[in-house]
Amino acid sequence: MQRRAKGGGAMDGGENTAPGARPLLFVSYSRTDLARARPVIDLLEGAGFEVWWDGRLEGGENYLQTTEAALETAACVVVLWSATSVASHWVRDEAQRGRERGCLVPLTIDGTMAPLGFRQFQLLDISAWDGRTDSAEAARILVAVRARLGGDAGAPAAAAPPLPPPSPV
């Protein structure tokens, strides 16, 4: 069964977040991509965001209710597209909710294009990212999330260094 990470918070970084609270991010991914998702989750947590993902579920917790509550209150929904996640109904549903709420940040972790219905959003390709928090890709992830949150997500948004153009396929 495929599962993915989630994060939750207010749509604008403050609507459902108590004053002084960190925006909650929902990270959606396919469970088979956990090794690629974990650096993204760690980066976001290290940047001061509260990140909700399926690894936060406790034993006996109602998965569906908890996931839905986190998704509905998320300030931002970060979706990690991959060859596996584009085939996941769970990931597509979570991405759709982020799209509907206007808080979607799509990333591709293996170069896979976002599925139909999500291609109108700029897709950040982090497939070459080595997980280093001081890299250009890490900076671009944080800039994208902060921009979706309105720029004031607990830390100043720094300009992201440009990435080299993608290599021709």
N, C-alpha and C. Protein backbone atom coordinates (compact mmCIF):
# COMPACT_ATOMS: atom_id res chain seq x y z
N MET A 1 0.84 -1.17 0.00
CA MET A 1 0.00 0.00 0.00
C MET A 1 0.88 1.23 0.00
N GLN A 2 0.61 2.17 -0.87
CA GLN A 2 1.43 3.36 -0.97
C GLN A 2 0.95 4.41 0.02
N ARG A 3 1.89 5.03 0.67
CA ARG A 3 1.59 6.14 1.57
C ARG A 3 2.59 7.23 1.29
N ARG A 4 2.29 8.37 1.73
CA ARG A 4 3.14 9.51 1.52
C ARG A 4 3.15 10.41 2.72
N ALA A 5 4.05 11.38 2.70
CA ALA A 5 4.20 12.28 3.82
C ALA A 5 3.26 13.45 3.68
N LYS A 6 2.99 14.03 4.77
CA LYS A 6 2.09 15.16 4.77
C LYS A 6 2.58 16.23 5.70
N GLY A 7 2.09 17.43 5.51
CA GLY A 7 2.35 18.54 6.41
C GLY A 7 1.07 19.34 6.47
N GLY A 8 0.76 20.01 7.55
CA GLY A 8 -0.47 20.78 7.60
C GLY A 8 -0.26 22.11 8.27
N GLY A 9 -1.09 23.13 7.99
CA GLY A 9 -1.01 24.47 8.57
C GLY A 9 -2.01 25.36 7.88
N ALA A 10 -1.90 26.65 8.05
CA ALA A 10 -2.85 27.57 7.46
C ALA A 10 -2.52 27.87 6.02
N MET A 11 -3.57 28.14 5.25
CA MET A 11 -3.39 28.38 3.84
C MET A 11 -2.47 29.56 3.58
N ASP A 12 -2.58 30.60 4.36
CA ASP A 12 -1.75 31.76 4.12
C ASP A 12 -0.63 31.88 5.15
N GLY A 13 -0.39 30.83 5.90
CA GLY A 13 0.64 30.86 6.90
C GLY A 13 0.14 31.42 8.22
N GLY A 14 -1.11 31.82 8.30
CA GLY A 14 -1.61 32.37 9.55
C GLY A 14 -3.05 32.06 9.83
N GLU A 15 -3.80 31.71 8.81
CA GLU A 15 -5.24 31.50 8.95
C GLU A 15 -5.57 30.43 9.99
N ASN A 16 -4.88 29.31 9.99
CA ASN A 16 -5.15 28.25 10.94
C ASN A 16 -3.98 28.03 11.88
N THR A 17 -3.08 28.98 11.93
CA THR A 17 -1.90 28.85 12.76
C THR A 17 -1.99 29.87 13.88
N ALA A 18 -1.80 29.42 15.11
CA ALA A 18 -1.83 30.34 16.25
C ALA A 18 -0.70 31.35 16.12
N PRO A 19 -0.88 32.56 16.66
CA PRO A 19 0.18 33.56 16.59
C PRO A 19 1.47 32.98 17.16
N GLY A 20 2.56 33.16 16.42
CA GLY A 20 3.85 32.68 16.86
C GLY A 20 4.10 31.22 16.52
N ALA A 21 3.06 30.52 16.05
CA ALA A 21 3.23 29.12 15.69
C ALA A 21 3.90 29.02 14.32
N ARG A 22 4.57 27.92 14.12
CA ARG A 22 5.22 27.69 12.83
C ARG A 22 4.18 27.17 11.84
N PRO A 23 4.23 27.62 10.58
CA PRO A 23 3.28 27.11 9.59
C PRO A 23 3.42 25.60 9.45
N LEU A 24 2.29 24.94 9.33
CA LEU A 24 2.27 23.50 9.19
C LEU A 24 2.27 23.15 7.70
N LEU A 25 3.21 22.34 7.29
CA LEU A 25 3.31 21.89 5.91
C LEU A 25 2.91 20.43 5.84
N PHE A 26 2.27 20.07 4.75
CA PHE A 26 1.83 18.70 4.52
C PHE A 26 2.68 18.17 3.37
N VAL A 27 3.42 17.11 3.57
CA VAL A 27 4.26 16.55 2.51
C VAL A 27 3.61 15.27 2.02
N SER A 28 3.31 15.23 0.73
CA SER A 28 2.67 14.09 0.10
C SER A 28 3.67 13.39 -0.80
N TYR A 29 3.79 12.07 -0.63
CA TYR A 29 4.74 11.28 -1.41
C TYR A 29 4.27 9.83 -1.42
N SER A 30 4.86 9.03 -2.27
CA SER A 30 4.60 7.59 -2.25
C SER A 30 5.52 6.96 -1.23
N ARG A 31 4.99 6.09 -0.42
CA ARG A 31 5.77 5.45 0.65
C ARG A 31 7.04 4.78 0.12
N THR A 32 7.00 4.28 -1.11
CA THR A 32 8.20 3.65 -1.68
C THR A 32 9.30 4.68 -1.94
N ASP A 33 8.96 5.96 -1.92
CA ASP A 33 9.93 7.03 -2.14
C ASP A 33 10.43 7.64 -0.83
N LEU A 34 10.22 6.97 0.29
CA LEU A 34 10.59 7.54 1.59
C LEU A 34 12.05 8.00 1.64
N ALA A 35 12.96 7.24 1.08
CA ALA A 35 14.38 7.62 1.12
C ALA A 35 14.61 8.95 0.41
N ARG A 36 13.82 9.27 -0.61
CA ARG A 36 13.95 10.55 -1.32
C ARG A 36 13.13 11.64 -0.64
N ALA A 37 12.06 11.25 0.05
CA ALA A 37 11.21 12.22 0.73
C ALA A 37 11.86 12.72 2.02
N ARG A 38 12.55 11.86 2.70
CA ARG A 38 13.10 12.21 4.02
C ARG A 38 14.01 13.44 4.00
N PRO A 39 14.91 13.60 3.02
CA PRO A 39 15.72 14.83 2.99
C PRO A 39 14.88 16.10 2.83
N VAL A 40 13.79 16.00 2.08
CA VAL A 40 12.91 17.17 1.91
C VAL A 40 12.24 17.49 3.25
N ILE A 41 11.74 16.47 3.92
CA ILE A 41 11.10 16.66 5.22
C ILE A 41 12.10 17.25 6.22
N ASP A 42 13.31 16.69 6.25
CA ASP A 42 14.35 17.18 7.17
C ASP A 42 14.73 18.63 6.86
N LEU A 43 14.82 18.97 5.58
CA LEU A 43 15.14 20.35 5.19
C LEU A 43 14.07 21.30 5.70
N LEU A 44 12.81 20.96 5.48
CA LEU A 44 11.70 21.83 5.90
C LEU A 44 11.65 21.97 7.42
N GLU A 45 11.83 20.86 8.13
CA GLU A 45 11.85 20.92 9.59
C GLU A 45 13.04 21.74 10.07
N GLY A 46 14.19 21.55 9.45
CA GLY A 46 15.39 22.30 9.81
C GLY A 46 15.25 23.79 9.56
N ALA A 47 14.37 24.16 8.63
CA ALA A 47 14.13 25.57 8.33
C ALA A 47 13.09 26.17 9.27
N GLY A 48 12.60 25.37 10.22
CA GLY A 48 11.68 25.89 11.22
C GLY A 48 10.21 25.62 10.97
N PHE A 49 9.90 24.89 9.92
CA PHE A 49 8.50 24.57 9.63
C PHE A 49 8.07 23.34 10.43
N GLU A 50 6.80 23.31 10.80
CA GLU A 50 6.22 22.09 11.36
C GLU A 50 5.74 21.28 10.16
N VAL A 51 6.24 20.07 10.03
CA VAL A 51 5.94 19.24 8.88
C VAL A 51 5.12 18.04 9.32
N TRP A 52 3.96 17.86 8.66
CA TRP A 52 3.15 16.68 8.92
C TRP A 52 3.36 15.72 7.77
N TRP A 53 3.71 14.50 8.12
CA TRP A 53 3.86 13.44 7.14
C TRP A 53 3.46 12.15 7.83
N ASP A 54 3.27 11.09 7.07
CA ASP A 54 2.72 9.87 7.65
C ASP A 54 3.61 9.23 8.71
N GLY A 55 4.87 9.59 8.78
CA GLY A 55 5.75 9.11 9.84
C GLY A 55 5.39 9.65 11.21
N ARG A 56 4.53 10.66 11.25
CA ARG A 56 4.07 11.23 12.53
C ARG A 56 2.85 10.51 13.09
N LEU A 57 2.28 9.58 12.34
CA LEU A 57 1.12 8.85 12.84
C LEU A 57 1.53 7.92 13.97
N GLU A 58 0.73 7.91 15.01
CA GLU A 58 0.97 7.04 16.17
C GLU A 58 0.20 5.74 15.99
N GLY A 59 0.65 4.69 16.63
CA GLY A 59 -0.03 3.41 16.58
C GLY A 59 -1.48 3.54 17.03
N GLY A 60 -2.38 2.95 16.28
CA GLY A 60 -3.79 2.97 16.63
C GLY A 60 -4.52 4.23 16.19
N GLU A 61 -3.80 5.20 15.67
CA GLU A 61 -4.43 6.45 15.22
C GLU A 61 -5.25 6.18 13.96
N ASN A 62 -6.38 6.88 13.82
CA ASN A 62 -7.22 6.74 12.64
C ASN A 62 -6.53 7.46 11.49
N TYR A 63 -5.96 6.68 10.58
CA TYR A 63 -5.15 7.24 9.51
C TYR A 63 -5.93 8.24 8.66
N LEU A 64 -7.11 7.85 8.22
CA LEU A 64 -7.88 8.71 7.32
C LEU A 64 -8.26 10.03 7.97
N GLN A 65 -8.80 9.99 9.19
CA GLN A 65 -9.21 11.23 9.88
C GLN A 65 -8.02 12.15 10.14
N THR A 66 -6.93 11.58 10.62
CA THR A 66 -5.76 12.38 10.95
C THR A 66 -5.16 13.01 9.70
N THR A 67 -5.06 12.22 8.64
CA THR A 67 -4.51 12.72 7.38
C THR A 67 -5.37 13.83 6.80
N GLU A 68 -6.67 13.61 6.80
CA GLU A 68 -7.58 14.62 6.25
C GLU A 68 -7.52 15.92 7.05
N ALA A 69 -7.48 15.81 8.37
CA ALA A 69 -7.39 17.01 9.21
C ALA A 69 -6.11 17.79 8.92
N ALA A 70 -4.99 17.08 8.79
CA ALA A 70 -3.72 17.74 8.50
C ALA A 70 -3.75 18.38 7.12
N LEU A 71 -4.31 17.69 6.15
CA LEU A 71 -4.38 18.22 4.79
C LEU A 71 -5.25 19.47 4.71
N GLU A 72 -6.38 19.45 5.42
CA GLU A 72 -7.30 20.58 5.38
C GLU A 72 -6.78 21.81 6.11
N THR A 73 -5.89 21.64 7.05
CA THR A 73 -5.37 22.78 7.80
C THR A 73 -3.96 23.17 7.38
N ALA A 74 -3.40 22.48 6.41
CA ALA A 74 -2.04 22.76 5.97
C ALA A 74 -1.92 24.15 5.36
N ALA A 75 -0.86 24.83 5.72
CA ALA A 75 -0.56 26.12 5.11
C ALA A 75 -0.06 25.91 3.69
N CYS A 76 0.53 24.74 3.46
CA CYS A 76 1.14 24.45 2.18
C CYS A 76 1.17 22.94 2.00
N VAL A 77 0.87 22.47 0.79
CA VAL A 77 0.94 21.05 0.46
C VAL A 77 2.10 20.87 -0.51
N VAL A 78 3.14 20.21 -0.04
CA VAL A 78 4.33 19.93 -0.85
C VAL A 78 4.17 18.52 -1.40
N VAL A 79 4.10 18.40 -2.73
CA VAL A 79 3.90 17.10 -3.36
C VAL A 79 5.19 16.67 -4.05
N LEU A 80 5.61 15.45 -3.75
CA LEU A 80 6.82 14.89 -4.35
C LEU A 80 6.41 13.93 -5.46
N TRP A 81 6.45 14.42 -6.71
CA TRP A 81 6.08 13.59 -7.84
C TRP A 81 7.23 12.67 -8.21
N SER A 82 6.89 11.43 -8.53
CA SER A 82 7.86 10.43 -8.98
C SER A 82 7.12 9.45 -9.87
N ALA A 83 7.85 8.52 -10.46
CA ALA A 83 7.21 7.50 -11.28
C ALA A 83 6.20 6.72 -10.46
N THR A 84 6.46 6.56 -9.17
CA THR A 84 5.55 5.82 -8.30
C THR A 84 4.39 6.69 -7.84
N SER A 85 4.67 7.92 -7.44
CA SER A 85 3.61 8.75 -6.86
C SER A 85 2.56 9.19 -7.88
N VAL A 86 2.93 9.33 -9.15
CA VAL A 86 1.92 9.72 -10.14
C VAL A 86 0.86 8.64 -10.30
N ALA A 87 1.18 7.40 -9.92
CA ALA A 87 0.23 6.30 -9.99
C ALA A 87 -0.56 6.11 -8.69
N SER A 88 -0.25 6.91 -7.68
CA SER A 88 -0.90 6.77 -6.37
C SER A 88 -2.16 7.63 -6.29
N HIS A 89 -3.29 6.99 -6.03
CA HIS A 89 -4.54 7.74 -5.86
C HIS A 89 -4.45 8.65 -4.64
N TRP A 90 -3.77 8.21 -3.59
CA TRP A 90 -3.62 9.02 -2.38
C TRP A 90 -2.87 10.31 -2.70
N VAL A 91 -1.74 10.19 -3.37
CA VAL A 91 -0.93 11.38 -3.68
C VAL A 91 -1.72 12.31 -4.59
N ARG A 92 -2.39 11.77 -5.59
CA ARG A 92 -3.18 12.62 -6.48
C ARG A 92 -4.30 13.35 -5.72
N ASP A 93 -4.98 12.64 -4.81
CA ASP A 93 -6.03 13.28 -4.02
C ASP A 93 -5.46 14.41 -3.17
N GLU A 94 -4.34 14.16 -2.53
CA GLU A 94 -3.72 15.19 -1.68
C GLU A 94 -3.25 16.38 -2.52
N ALA A 95 -2.67 16.09 -3.68
CA ALA A 95 -2.24 17.17 -4.57
C ALA A 95 -3.44 17.98 -5.06
N GLN A 96 -4.52 17.29 -5.37
CA GLN A 96 -5.73 17.98 -5.83
C GLN A 96 -6.23 18.93 -4.75
N ARG A 97 -6.21 18.49 -3.51
CA ARG A 97 -6.69 19.36 -2.42
C ARG A 97 -5.77 20.58 -2.27
N GLY A 98 -4.47 20.37 -2.39
CA GLY A 98 -3.54 21.50 -2.36
C GLY A 98 -3.78 22.46 -3.51
N ARG A 99 -4.08 21.91 -4.69
CA ARG A 99 -4.39 22.74 -5.86
C ARG A 99 -5.66 23.54 -5.61
N GLU A 100 -6.71 22.87 -5.13
CA GLU A 100 -7.99 23.54 -4.88
C GLU A 100 -7.84 24.66 -3.84
N ARG A 101 -7.03 24.44 -2.84
CA ARG A 101 -6.86 25.42 -1.77
C ARG A 101 -5.83 26.49 -2.12
N GLY A 102 -5.13 26.33 -3.25
CA GLY A 102 -4.16 27.33 -3.68
C GLY A 102 -2.86 27.31 -2.88
N CYS A 103 -2.50 26.15 -2.37
CA CYS A 103 -1.29 26.07 -1.53
C CYS A 103 -0.37 24.93 -1.96
N LEU A 104 -0.38 24.59 -3.25
CA LEU A 104 0.39 23.48 -3.78
C LEU A 104 1.81 23.90 -4.15
N VAL A 105 2.79 23.11 -3.72
CA VAL A 105 4.18 23.26 -4.15
C VAL A 105 4.62 21.91 -4.71
N PRO A 106 4.66 21.77 -6.06
CA PRO A 106 5.02 20.49 -6.65
C PRO A 106 6.52 20.38 -6.92
N LEU A 107 7.08 19.25 -6.52
CA LEU A 107 8.49 18.95 -6.76
C LEU A 107 8.56 17.61 -7.48
N THR A 108 9.55 17.43 -8.34
CA THR A 108 9.78 16.11 -8.91
C THR A 108 11.09 15.59 -8.35
N ILE A 109 11.04 14.38 -7.80
CA ILE A 109 12.23 13.83 -7.15
C ILE A 109 13.00 12.87 -8.06
N ASP A 110 12.43 12.56 -9.23
CA ASP A 110 13.13 11.66 -10.15
C ASP A 110 13.02 12.10 -11.60
N GLY A 111 12.57 13.34 -11.82
CA GLY A 111 12.43 13.86 -13.18
C GLY A 111 11.09 13.56 -13.82
N THR A 112 10.22 12.83 -13.13
CA THR A 112 8.90 12.51 -13.66
C THR A 112 8.06 13.78 -13.75
N MET A 113 7.38 13.95 -14.88
CA MET A 113 6.48 15.08 -15.06
C MET A 113 5.24 14.89 -14.19
N ALA A 114 4.70 15.98 -13.71
CA ALA A 114 3.45 15.92 -12.94
C ALA A 114 2.36 15.35 -13.85
N PRO A 115 1.39 14.65 -13.27
CA PRO A 115 0.31 14.09 -14.09
C PRO A 115 -0.63 15.19 -14.60
N LEU A 116 -1.43 14.81 -15.57
CA LEU A 116 -2.42 15.72 -16.12
C LEU A 116 -3.27 16.30 -15.00
N GLY A 117 -3.53 17.57 -15.08
CA GLY A 117 -4.29 18.25 -14.04
C GLY A 117 -3.39 19.05 -13.11
N PHE A 118 -2.08 18.77 -13.16
CA PHE A 118 -1.13 19.46 -12.30
C PHE A 118 0.01 20.09 -13.09
N ARG A 119 -0.06 20.03 -14.39
CA ARG A 119 1.03 20.53 -15.23
C ARG A 119 0.99 22.04 -15.41
N GLN A 120 -0.07 22.69 -14.97
CA GLN A 120 -0.14 24.14 -15.09
C GLN A 120 0.64 24.84 -13.99
N PHE A 121 1.20 24.06 -13.06
CA PHE A 121 2.00 24.61 -11.97
C PHE A 121 3.47 24.36 -12.25
N GLN A 122 4.29 25.38 -11.99
CA GLN A 122 5.73 25.23 -12.19
C GLN A 122 6.25 24.09 -11.32
N LEU A 123 6.87 23.13 -11.95
CA LEU A 123 7.38 21.94 -11.27
C LEU A 123 8.87 22.14 -11.00
N LEU A 124 9.24 22.08 -9.75
CA LEU A 124 10.64 22.24 -9.37
C LEU A 124 11.32 20.88 -9.42
N ASP A 125 12.31 20.74 -10.29
CA ASP A 125 13.01 19.47 -10.46
C ASP A 125 14.17 19.40 -9.48
N ILE A 126 14.03 18.51 -8.49
CA ILE A 126 15.10 18.32 -7.50
C ILE A 126 15.70 16.92 -7.62
N SER A 127 15.56 16.32 -8.80
CA SER A 127 16.02 14.95 -9.01
C SER A 127 17.53 14.81 -8.84
N ALA A 128 18.29 15.87 -9.05
CA ALA A 128 19.75 15.80 -8.90
C ALA A 128 20.20 16.22 -7.50
N TRP A 129 19.26 16.59 -6.64
CA TRP A 129 19.61 17.07 -5.31
C TRP A 129 20.23 15.95 -4.48
N ASP A 130 21.35 16.27 -3.83
CA ASP A 130 22.05 15.28 -3.00
C ASP A 130 21.64 15.35 -1.54
N GLY A 131 20.66 16.19 -1.21
CA GLY A 131 20.17 16.28 0.15
C GLY A 131 20.90 17.31 1.00
N ARG A 132 21.92 17.94 0.46
CA ARG A 132 22.66 18.95 1.22
C ARG A 132 21.79 20.18 1.43
N THR A 133 21.75 20.65 2.66
CA THR A 133 20.91 21.81 2.97
C THR A 133 21.51 23.13 2.49
N ASP A 134 22.78 23.12 2.11
CA ASP A 134 23.43 24.33 1.63
C ASP A 134 23.50 24.38 0.10
N SER A 135 22.73 23.54 -0.57
CA SER A 135 22.75 23.47 -2.03
C SER A 135 21.74 24.43 -2.66
N ALA A 136 21.92 24.66 -3.95
CA ALA A 136 20.98 25.50 -4.70
C ALA A 136 19.59 24.90 -4.71
N GLU A 137 19.49 23.58 -4.82
CA GLU A 137 18.18 22.93 -4.84
C GLU A 137 17.45 23.13 -3.51
N ALA A 138 18.17 22.99 -2.40
CA ALA A 138 17.56 23.20 -1.08
C ALA A 138 17.05 24.63 -0.96
N ALA A 139 17.84 25.58 -1.41
CA ALA A 139 17.42 26.98 -1.36
C ALA A 139 16.16 27.20 -2.20
N ARG A 140 16.09 26.57 -3.36
CA ARG A 140 14.92 26.73 -4.23
C ARG A 140 13.67 26.12 -3.62
N ILE A 141 13.83 24.99 -2.92
CA ILE A 141 12.68 24.37 -2.24
C ILE A 141 12.14 25.34 -1.20
N LEU A 142 13.03 25.91 -0.39
CA LEU A 142 12.61 26.83 0.68
C LEU A 142 12.00 28.10 0.11
N VAL A 143 12.57 28.63 -0.96
CA VAL A 143 12.01 29.82 -1.59
C VAL A 143 10.60 29.53 -2.10
N ALA A 144 10.40 28.37 -2.73
CA ALA A 144 9.08 28.01 -3.27
C ALA A 144 8.05 27.89 -2.15
N VAL A 145 8.42 27.25 -1.06
CA VAL A 145 7.49 27.09 0.06
C VAL A 145 7.18 28.45 0.68
N ARG A 146 8.20 29.24 0.92
CA ARG A 146 7.97 30.57 1.53
C ARG A 146 7.13 31.46 0.62
N ALA A 147 7.34 31.36 -0.68
CA ALA A 147 6.54 32.15 -1.62
C ALA A 147 5.07 31.75 -1.55
N ARG A 148 4.80 30.44 -1.46
CA ARG A 148 3.43 29.96 -1.37
C ARG A 148 2.79 30.41 -0.06
N LEU A 149 3.61 30.56 0.98
CA LEU A 149 3.10 31.00 2.28
C LEU A 149 3.00 32.52 2.37
N GLY A 150 3.36 33.21 1.33
CA GLY A 150 3.30 34.65 1.35
C GLY A 150 4.62 35.30 1.74
N GLY A 151 5.67 34.50 1.82
CA GLY A 151 6.99 35.06 2.06
C GLY A 151 7.39 35.22 3.50
N ASP A 152 6.45 35.11 4.46
CA ASP A 152 6.85 35.32 5.86
C ASP A 152 6.57 34.07 6.67
N ALA A 153 7.27 33.01 6.35
CA ALA A 153 7.04 31.74 7.02
C ALA A 153 8.06 31.51 8.11
N GLY A 154 8.31 32.49 8.92
CA GLY A 154 9.19 32.32 10.06
C GLY A 154 10.64 32.59 9.77
N ALA A 155 10.99 32.79 8.52
CA ALA A 155 12.37 33.09 8.18
C ALA A 155 12.37 33.90 6.91
N PRO A 156 13.33 34.80 6.77
CA PRO A 156 13.36 35.61 5.55
C PRO A 156 13.61 34.75 4.33
N ALA A 157 12.93 35.08 3.25
CA ALA A 157 13.12 34.34 2.01
C ALA A 157 14.35 34.87 1.31
N ALA A 158 15.32 34.01 1.10
CA ALA A 158 16.53 34.40 0.39
C ALA A 158 16.35 34.07 -1.08
N ALA A 159 17.03 34.84 -1.90
CA ALA A 159 16.99 34.55 -3.33
C ALA A 159 17.67 33.22 -3.58
N ALA A 160 17.04 32.40 -4.38
CA ALA A 160 17.60 31.08 -4.69
C ALA A 160 18.63 31.21 -5.79
N PRO A 161 19.77 30.57 -5.62
CA PRO A 161 20.74 30.58 -6.71
C PRO A 161 20.15 29.84 -7.90
N PRO A 162 20.46 30.29 -9.10
CA PRO A 162 19.88 29.61 -10.26
C PRO A 162 20.47 28.20 -10.41
N LEU A 163 19.63 27.31 -10.88
CA LEU A 163 20.09 25.95 -11.16
C LEU A 163 20.53 25.90 -12.61
N PRO A 164 21.45 25.00 -12.94
CA PRO A 164 21.81 24.85 -14.34
C PRO A 164 20.60 24.35 -15.12
N PRO A 165 20.53 24.66 -16.41
CA PRO A 165 19.38 24.18 -17.20
C PRO A 165 19.36 22.65 -17.21
N PRO A 166 18.17 22.06 -17.31
CA PRO A 166 18.09 20.60 -17.36
C PRO A 166 18.80 20.06 -18.58
N SER A 167 19.40 18.91 -18.45
CA SER A 167 20.07 18.31 -19.58
C SER A 167 19.03 17.78 -20.56
N PRO A 168 19.30 17.85 -21.86
CA PRO A 168 18.34 17.35 -22.84
C PRO A 168 18.11 15.86 -22.65
N VAL A 169 16.86 15.47 -22.88
CA VAL A 169 16.50 14.05 -22.71
C VAL A 169 16.66 13.32 -24.02
